[in-house]
Amino acid sequence: MPTKTTTPAPPADAVAKDAHWAATREKLRNRTRPTVALTICDDLDLRVALETAKHTLRRLKAAADDRPDDKTGPAGIAAAEKDVAEAQEAYDAASIVLRFQALPRLEFEALKKAHPATEEQAEDGHDLNIETLGPELIAAASVDGMTVDDAREYLDTWSEAEASALFNAAWNVQEAARMDLGKG
């Protein structure tokens, strides 16, 4: 785990140019790391009902946009919105949500270094050993307290697509960016 370093004082000229630098610095220090959720719902009927309700709502809104003088549009949209809310509530009640948060960069880099590719994997062009990294990364990024053993079990026993989604949730949050580069 990286050691804590002392934070240098801001450059005097930056403070002189921007009277709000201290507030900006405080906001930067208080940022939270990106978090993603992986939602698992094994009830296909609930998933289909939710998608159908959403599709119906989109269709009714598009029709209302095409026919602004139609007085029945708002009532149909209201009913469809209620259907979406009810379908979403049922879906949420049946779902399992796993949450993952980006690790501090140095911690993530250390974790990757601890799992180099095997000789065979390196010959195939890989830099990392995903088989050993996967459970460690998933557990480290889990906000819900998933253990390495839990992660290993899920990766080994879930379908290929589901195991991949689990790993990708933990991996992709490490690469999440929440900033825009403006013109200045």
C-alpha atoms as a PDB file:
ATOM      1  CA  MET A   1       0.000   0.000   0.000  1.00  0.00           C
ATOM      2  CA  PRO A   2       1.414   3.416  -0.927  1.00  0.00           C
ATOM      3  CA  THR A   3       2.724   5.650   1.805  1.00  0.00           C
ATOM      4  CA  LYS A   4       1.027   8.969   2.449  1.00  0.00           C
ATOM      5  CA  THR A   5       3.024  11.948   1.294  1.00  0.00           C
ATOM      6  CA  THR A   6       2.709  15.500   2.471  1.00  0.00           C
ATOM      7  CA  THR A   7       0.792  17.766   0.150  1.00  0.00           C
ATOM      8  CA  PRO A   8       2.845  20.690  -1.127  1.00  0.00           C
ATOM      9  CA  ALA A   9       1.529  24.210  -0.676  1.00  0.00           C
ATOM     10  CA  PRO A  10      -0.057  25.675  -3.781  1.00  0.00           C
ATOM     11  CA  PRO A  11       2.151  27.938  -5.872  1.00  0.00           C
ATOM     12  CA  ALA A  12       1.888  31.528  -4.683  1.00  0.00           C
ATOM     13  CA  ASP A  13       1.300  32.828  -8.196  1.00  0.00           C
ATOM     14  CA  ALA A  14      -1.635  30.403  -8.647  1.00  0.00           C
ATOM     15  CA  VAL A  15      -3.203  31.663  -5.435  1.00  0.00           C
ATOM     16  CA  ALA A  16      -2.643  35.279  -6.522  1.00  0.00           C
ATOM     17  CA  LYS A  17      -4.250  34.629  -9.925  1.00  0.00           C
ATOM     18  CA  ASP A  18      -7.200  32.666  -8.540  1.00  0.00           C
ATOM     19  CA  ALA A  19      -8.660  33.787  -5.245  1.00  0.00           C
ATOM     20  CA  HIS A  20     -10.807  30.652  -5.228  1.00  0.00           C
ATOM     21  CA  TRP A  21      -7.917  28.192  -5.462  1.00  0.00           C
ATOM     22  CA  ALA A  22      -8.306  27.022  -1.854  1.00  0.00           C
ATOM     23  CA  ALA A  23     -11.962  26.147  -2.476  1.00  0.00           C
ATOM     24  CA  THR A  24     -11.053  24.429  -5.742  1.00  0.00           C
ATOM     25  CA  ARG A  25      -8.338  22.420  -4.003  1.00  0.00           C
ATOM     26  CA  GLU A  26     -10.780  21.354  -1.301  1.00  0.00           C
ATOM     27  CA  LYS A  27     -13.279  20.173  -3.912  1.00  0.00           C
ATOM     28  CA  LEU A  28     -10.546  18.209  -5.677  1.00  0.00           C
ATOM     29  CA  ARG A  29      -9.476  16.566  -2.419  1.00  0.00           C
ATOM     30  CA  ASN A  30     -13.061  15.597  -1.585  1.00  0.00           C
ATOM     31  CA  ARG A  31     -13.848  13.885  -4.878  1.00  0.00           C
ATOM     32  CA  THR A  32     -14.994  10.292  -4.591  1.00  0.00           C
ATOM     33  CA  ARG A  33     -13.615   7.601  -6.843  1.00  0.00           C
ATOM     34  CA  PRO A  34     -15.881   6.361  -9.656  1.00  0.00           C
ATOM     35  CA  THR A  35     -18.378   3.642  -8.757  1.00  0.00           C
ATOM     36  CA  VAL A  36     -20.379   1.310 -11.004  1.00  0.00           C
ATOM     37  CA  ALA A  37     -23.158  -1.145 -10.318  1.00  0.00           C
ATOM     38  CA  LEU A  38     -23.629  -4.577 -11.851  1.00  0.00           C
ATOM     39  CA  THR A  39     -27.283  -5.595 -11.674  1.00  0.00           C
ATOM     40  CA  ILE A  40     -28.141  -9.283 -11.791  1.00  0.00           C
ATOM     41  CA  CYS A  41     -31.747 -10.354 -12.368  1.00  0.00           C
ATOM     42  CA  ASP A  42     -32.382 -14.039 -12.971  1.00  0.00           C
ATOM     43  CA  ASP A  43     -36.103 -13.528 -13.669  1.00  0.00           C
ATOM     44  CA  LEU A  44     -36.350 -13.250 -17.458  1.00  0.00           C
ATOM     45  CA  ASP A  45     -40.056 -12.373 -17.284  1.00  0.00           C
ATOM     46  CA  LEU A  46     -39.331  -9.322 -15.120  1.00  0.00           C
ATOM     47  CA  ARG A  47     -36.522  -8.203 -17.426  1.00  0.00           C
ATOM     48  CA  VAL A  48     -38.779  -8.550 -20.484  1.00  0.00           C
ATOM     49  CA  ALA A  49     -41.661  -6.755 -18.744  1.00  0.00           C
ATOM     50  CA  LEU A  50     -39.407  -3.828 -17.853  1.00  0.00           C
ATOM     51  CA  GLU A  51     -37.968  -3.521 -21.357  1.00  0.00           C
ATOM     52  CA  THR A  52     -41.453  -3.789 -22.878  1.00  0.00           C
ATOM     53  CA  ALA A  53     -42.795  -1.063 -20.569  1.00  0.00           C
ATOM     54  CA  LYS A  54     -39.856   1.210 -21.431  1.00  0.00           C
ATOM     55  CA  HIS A  55     -40.324   0.563 -25.143  1.00  0.00           C
ATOM     56  CA  THR A  56     -44.035   1.361 -24.914  1.00  0.00           C
ATOM     57  CA  LEU A  57     -43.289   4.617 -23.096  1.00  0.00           C
ATOM     58  CA  ARG A  58     -40.708   5.654 -25.713  1.00  0.00           C
ATOM     59  CA  ARG A  59     -43.165   4.824 -28.516  1.00  0.00           C
ATOM     60  CA  LEU A  60     -45.978   6.840 -26.891  1.00  0.00           C
ATOM     61  CA  LYS A  61     -43.695   9.838 -26.303  1.00  0.00           C
ATOM     62  CA  ALA A  62     -42.542   9.758 -29.919  1.00  0.00           C
ATOM     63  CA  ALA A  63     -46.151   9.568 -31.102  1.00  0.00           C
ATOM     64  CA  ALA A  64     -47.089  12.488 -28.862  1.00  0.00           C
ATOM     65  CA  ASP A  65     -44.229  14.535 -30.314  1.00  0.00           C
ATOM     66  CA  ASP A  66     -45.503  13.756 -33.828  1.00  0.00           C
ATOM     67  CA  ARG A  67     -49.105  14.662 -32.923  1.00  0.00           C
ATOM     68  CA  PRO A  68     -49.007  17.555 -30.422  1.00  0.00           C
ATOM     69  CA  ASP A  69     -52.737  18.263 -30.922  1.00  0.00           C
ATOM     70  CA  ASP A  70     -53.778  14.747 -29.816  1.00  0.00           C
ATOM     71  CA  LYS A  71     -55.370  15.146 -26.371  1.00  0.00           C
ATOM     72  CA  THR A  72     -55.099  11.413 -25.534  1.00  0.00           C
ATOM     73  CA  GLY A  73     -51.278  11.451 -25.602  1.00  0.00           C
ATOM     74  CA  PRO A  74     -50.662  12.745 -22.064  1.00  0.00           C
ATOM     75  CA  ALA A  75     -53.001  10.187 -20.479  1.00  0.00           C
ATOM     76  CA  GLY A  76     -51.346   7.334 -22.373  1.00  0.00           C
ATOM     77  CA  ILE A  77     -47.904   8.593 -21.394  1.00  0.00           C
ATOM     78  CA  ALA A  78     -48.926   8.876 -17.740  1.00  0.00           C
ATOM     79  CA  ALA A  79     -50.225   5.295 -17.762  1.00  0.00           C
ATOM     80  CA  ALA A  80     -47.054   4.077 -19.483  1.00  0.00           C
ATOM     81  CA  GLU A  81     -44.876   5.913 -16.939  1.00  0.00           C
ATOM     82  CA  LYS A  82     -46.805   4.182 -14.156  1.00  0.00           C
ATOM     83  CA  ASP A  83     -46.256   0.818 -15.883  1.00  0.00           C
ATOM     84  CA  VAL A  84     -42.505   1.520 -16.141  1.00  0.00           C
ATOM     85  CA  ALA A  85     -42.334   2.478 -12.461  1.00  0.00           C
ATOM     86  CA  GLU A  86     -44.146  -0.702 -11.405  1.00  0.00           C
ATOM     87  CA  ALA A  87     -42.033  -2.896 -13.692  1.00  0.00           C
ATOM     88  CA  GLN A  88     -38.857  -1.210 -12.413  1.00  0.00           C
ATOM     89  CA  GLU A  89     -39.921  -1.759  -8.802  1.00  0.00           C
ATOM     90  CA  ALA A  90     -40.551  -5.470  -9.427  1.00  0.00           C
ATOM     91  CA  TYR A  91     -37.254  -5.789 -11.311  1.00  0.00           C
ATOM     92  CA  ASP A  92     -35.330  -4.009  -8.545  1.00  0.00           C
ATOM     93  CA  ALA A  93     -36.904  -6.205  -5.859  1.00  0.00           C
ATOM     94  CA  ALA A  94     -35.774  -9.364  -7.665  1.00  0.00           C
ATOM     95  CA  SER A  95     -32.297  -8.084  -8.554  1.00  0.00           C
ATOM     96  CA  ILE A  96     -28.929  -8.336  -6.886  1.00  0.00           C
ATOM     97  CA  VAL A  97     -26.782  -5.235  -7.238  1.00  0.00           C
ATOM     98  CA  LEU A  98     -23.010  -5.518  -6.893  1.00  0.00           C
ATOM     99  CA  ARG A  99     -21.114  -2.241  -6.617  1.00  0.00           C
ATOM    100  CA  PHE A 100     -17.487  -1.620  -7.557  1.00  0.00           C
ATOM    101  CA  GLN A 101     -15.320   1.425  -6.937  1.00  0.00           C
ATOM    102  CA  ALA A 102     -12.117   2.475  -8.639  1.00  0.00           C
ATOM    103  CA  LEU A 103      -9.030   1.780  -6.573  1.00  0.00           C
ATOM    104  CA  PRO A 104      -6.455   4.481  -5.928  1.00  0.00           C
ATOM    105  CA  ARG A 105      -4.191   4.468  -8.997  1.00  0.00           C
ATOM    106  CA  LEU A 106      -1.054   3.293  -7.184  1.00  0.00           C
ATOM    107  CA  GLU A 107      -2.987   0.458  -5.530  1.00  0.00           C
ATOM    108  CA  PHE A 108      -4.363  -0.644  -8.909  1.00  0.00           C
ATOM    109  CA  GLU A 109      -0.888  -0.513 -10.485  1.00  0.00           C
ATOM    110  CA  ALA A 110       0.548  -2.607  -7.625  1.00  0.00           C
ATOM    111  CA  LEU A 111      -2.238  -5.156  -8.029  1.00  0.00           C
ATOM    112  CA  LYS A 112      -1.513  -5.468 -11.757  1.00  0.00           C
ATOM    113  CA  LYS A 113       2.226  -5.840 -11.086  1.00  0.00           C
ATOM    114  CA  ALA A 114       1.486  -8.652  -8.633  1.00  0.00           C
ATOM    115  CA  HIS A 115      -0.197 -10.656 -11.424  1.00  0.00           C
ATOM    116  CA  PRO A 116       2.128 -10.742 -14.434  1.00  0.00           C
ATOM    117  CA  ALA A 117       1.281 -12.923 -17.395  1.00  0.00           C
ATOM    118  CA  THR A 118       2.562 -16.483 -17.422  1.00  0.00           C
ATOM    119  CA  GLU A 119       5.101 -17.392 -20.090  1.00  0.00           C
ATOM    120  CA  GLU A 120       2.339 -18.887 -22.226  1.00  0.00           C
ATOM    121  CA  GLN A 121       0.083 -15.860 -21.759  1.00  0.00           C
ATOM    122  CA  ALA A 122       2.962 -13.518 -22.642  1.00  0.00           C
ATOM    123  CA  GLU A 123       3.543 -15.503 -25.839  1.00  0.00           C
ATOM    124  CA  ASP A 124      -0.120 -14.845 -26.666  1.00  0.00           C
ATOM    125  CA  GLY A 125       0.465 -11.092 -26.192  1.00  0.00           C
ATOM    126  CA  HIS A 126      -0.985 -10.666 -22.700  1.00  0.00           C
ATOM    127  CA  ASP A 127       0.588  -8.436 -20.053  1.00  0.00           C
ATOM    128  CA  LEU A 128      -1.438  -9.706 -17.101  1.00  0.00           C
ATOM    129  CA  ASN A 129      -2.599 -13.007 -15.672  1.00  0.00           C
ATOM    130  CA  ILE A 130      -6.342 -12.399 -15.634  1.00  0.00           C
ATOM    131  CA  GLU A 131      -6.951 -15.770 -13.974  1.00  0.00           C
ATOM    132  CA  THR A 132      -5.129 -14.694 -10.812  1.00  0.00           C
ATOM    133  CA  LEU A 133      -5.810 -10.959 -11.077  1.00  0.00           C
ATOM    134  CA  GLY A 134      -9.575 -11.324 -11.560  1.00  0.00           C
ATOM    135  CA  PRO A 135     -10.609 -12.512  -8.088  1.00  0.00           C
ATOM    136  CA  GLU A 136      -8.171 -10.125  -6.387  1.00  0.00           C
ATOM    137  CA  LEU A 137      -9.361  -7.112  -8.385  1.00  0.00           C
ATOM    138  CA  ILE A 138     -13.037  -7.938  -7.931  1.00  0.00           C
ATOM    139  CA  ALA A 139     -12.617  -8.285  -4.166  1.00  0.00           C
ATOM    140  CA  ALA A 140     -10.489  -5.136  -3.875  1.00  0.00           C
ATOM    141  CA  ALA A 141     -12.944  -3.046  -5.914  1.00  0.00           C
ATOM    142  CA  SER A 142     -16.074  -4.470  -4.290  1.00  0.00           C
ATOM    143  CA  VAL A 143     -17.963  -1.905  -2.228  1.00  0.00           C
ATOM    144  CA  ASP A 144     -20.128  -4.705  -0.830  1.00  0.00           C
ATOM    145  CA  GLY A 145     -17.321  -6.673   0.793  1.00  0.00           C
ATOM    146  CA  MET A 146     -17.021  -9.537  -1.694  1.00  0.00           C
ATOM    147  CA  THR A 147     -14.108 -11.761  -0.733  1.00  0.00           C
ATOM    148  CA  VAL A 148     -11.431 -13.162  -3.030  1.00  0.00           C
ATOM    149  CA  ASP A 149     -12.852 -16.642  -2.452  1.00  0.00           C
ATOM    150  CA  ASP A 150     -16.363 -15.470  -3.384  1.00  0.00           C
ATOM    151  CA  ALA A 151     -15.060 -13.801  -6.539  1.00  0.00           C
ATOM    152  CA  ARG A 152     -13.053 -16.883  -7.515  1.00  0.00           C
ATOM    153  CA  GLU A 153     -16.123 -19.099  -7.023  1.00  0.00           C
ATOM    154  CA  TYR A 154     -18.315 -16.837  -9.184  1.00  0.00           C
ATOM    155  CA  LEU A 155     -15.691 -16.572 -11.924  1.00  0.00           C
ATOM    156  CA  ASP A 156     -15.295 -20.360 -11.949  1.00  0.00           C
ATOM    157  CA  THR A 157     -18.956 -21.349 -11.803  1.00  0.00           C
ATOM    158  CA  TRP A 158     -20.935 -18.651 -13.621  1.00  0.00           C
ATOM    159  CA  SER A 159     -21.399 -18.731 -17.383  1.00  0.00           C
ATOM    160  CA  GLU A 160     -18.656 -17.240 -19.530  1.00  0.00           C
ATOM    161  CA  ALA A 161     -20.724 -14.112 -20.250  1.00  0.00           C
ATOM    162  CA  GLU A 162     -21.674 -13.557 -16.607  1.00  0.00           C
ATOM    163  CA  ALA A 163     -18.137 -14.147 -15.314  1.00  0.00           C
ATOM    164  CA  SER A 164     -16.882 -11.733 -17.947  1.00  0.00           C
ATOM    165  CA  ALA A 165     -19.457  -9.111 -16.905  1.00  0.00           C
ATOM    166  CA  LEU A 166     -18.358  -9.473 -13.271  1.00  0.00           C
ATOM    167  CA  PHE A 167     -14.680  -9.030 -14.129  1.00  0.00           C
ATOM    168  CA  ASN A 168     -15.412  -6.181 -16.553  1.00  0.00           C
ATOM    169  CA  ALA A 169     -17.395  -4.264 -13.937  1.00  0.00           C
ATOM    170  CA  ALA A 170     -14.388  -4.317 -11.587  1.00  0.00           C
ATOM    171  CA  TRP A 171     -11.909  -3.604 -14.402  1.00  0.00           C
ATOM    172  CA  ASN A 172     -13.832  -0.919 -16.291  1.00  0.00           C
ATOM    173  CA  VAL A 173     -14.479   1.227 -13.219  1.00  0.00           C
ATOM    174  CA  GLN A 174     -10.682   1.541 -12.936  1.00  0.00           C
ATOM    175  CA  GLU A 175     -10.709   3.311 -16.307  1.00  0.00           C
ATOM    176  CA  ALA A 176     -13.746   5.523 -15.682  1.00  0.00           C
ATOM    177  CA  ALA A 177     -13.141   9.221 -16.310  1.00  0.00           C
ATOM    178  CA  ARG A 178     -15.499  11.924 -15.132  1.00  0.00           C
ATOM    179  CA  MET A 179     -13.909  14.992 -16.648  1.00  0.00           C
ATOM    180  CA  ASP A 180     -13.910  16.989 -19.855  1.00  0.00           C
ATOM    181  CA  LEU A 181     -10.969  18.768 -21.422  1.00  0.00           C
ATOM    182  CA  GLY A 182     -12.287  22.198 -22.313  1.00  0.00           C
ATOM    183  CA  LYS A 183     -10.862  24.899 -24.533  1.00  0.00           C
ATOM    184  CA  GLY A 184      -9.747  26.953 -21.555  1.00  0.00           C
END
